[in-house]
């Protein structure tokens, strides 16, 4: 039997009581604990303040659960609504690349992608998907006016197919897309940046440049001939900053991969000192690793949390990197889920807390964040997931095969494998697990969710986040003002 309410202790020796379903969370005096325990059956001593307080909390439902269910399903209408409100359309411009990064998600360590054949996406495929979405946008109800829609270019190395990018931008600019402000974005290794920077600056591309730190830090990012790409990379980035300083300050950011040849500290200080930017640092992808490469992967992998905690500049990094620090991002989710003051609409202010029937896990509804179109014509919900999870295709004749009904059926089939675990998971109300990061979800009848938490693990999660907020007293205000406002 799951407990709706229980208490935990922080590293500062403070006790908090949490109702995981009603999102009640309060500082608790030790003398109140015996009276809050579900097995406590003693008579209420009216002279005992804490007994009276516990009685009050019980009487007003602070300690009761809501009996949430996890039998919710995705419907075809939900999928269509997300298409109508799409935030980002991502094209895999090419599967060719001018680098051979050792840890690449499309490289020798991984197996969950289509064969790379140095293909270039043709404009007609992109035009057809844009036209397809335009029809949906024109016909369907939208939740916004003048929303930003990102048109993004991904690879491989997208700058290797620059004619395609120019054609797509020209076509987008020729259309009258209602209620949307178009912005362009791209992830690049900067090896061809010197040839393309004039155009990128003119069109105000949001540019994410891959760079793992100094020359040694960057030594997994090599050319086909095995040469470190560092010097050419930074030479082109330096040129971009010199030639277009305002564009660089506003639109250029950096992405780094953490591995056994760098640290968060080294990455952050190199990029911050050289370019005045705070990089996003991501660990190696842990999904889809080939069986015969797991030992090699483990040698290369570096845990971001552990690496940060070992840094002599930990507090400085926590303050500077903010939401790119796992402790900060986890605390943000915790505050959002459990502070009891999050309302989706004004109606929620007057509503009574009731039981809900949730969709399992913490993943998103298909296309709620983006649509990813591969160079082979597959349509996916995201570029970060295995390409075996295609939801539709652009056919050889450029027709679109995308059924909202079939997508809903497929997702619900995946969710059915996880519902039983979600029902007894203490973390179910703050789950962030994407179903597509569960190994072999598509192939196995029964799967184990890596994020499942029993009472003890969840209590540790609560304690960890409250301890972080106690140790960083300005963090709560900063999260509320910068992230959740």
Foldseek 3Di string as FASTA:
>chain_A
DAFQKDWFAFPVRWIWMFRLALLDIDTDDPVLHLLQPPPRDDDQDPVDPSSVVSVVCVVVVVRDHFQAAALDFDALVNQLQLLLAFAEAEEAQWAAAQWQQPQDCLHDFFDQADDHDRFGFDLLLVVLVVVVSLVSNVPDDHPAAAAEHEYEYEYNANVVRVVSVVVNVVVVVVDDRGRYDYAYEYEHQQLCLQVCVVVCLVRLYQYEHEDQADQQSQQSTGGPVSHRCHVSSVVRVVVSCVVPVVSCVPRYAYEYEDWPRDFQVRRQCRCCVPPVHGYQYHYRQPFRTDPVCPVVVVNTTDDNQVRLVPDPCNVVCCVVNQCSHVLNVLLLLSCQQRVSPDDPDPVRVVDDDHHYHHHFAQADDQSNHYWYAYSQFFIGSDPVFRPVRGQWGQDPVRDTGHRSRVSRVVVSQLSVLCSVLLSQASCRSRGNDHSRRFYPSVPDSHGDDPPGHHPVRVSVSVNSSVNVCVVVVCSVVCSCVPPVD
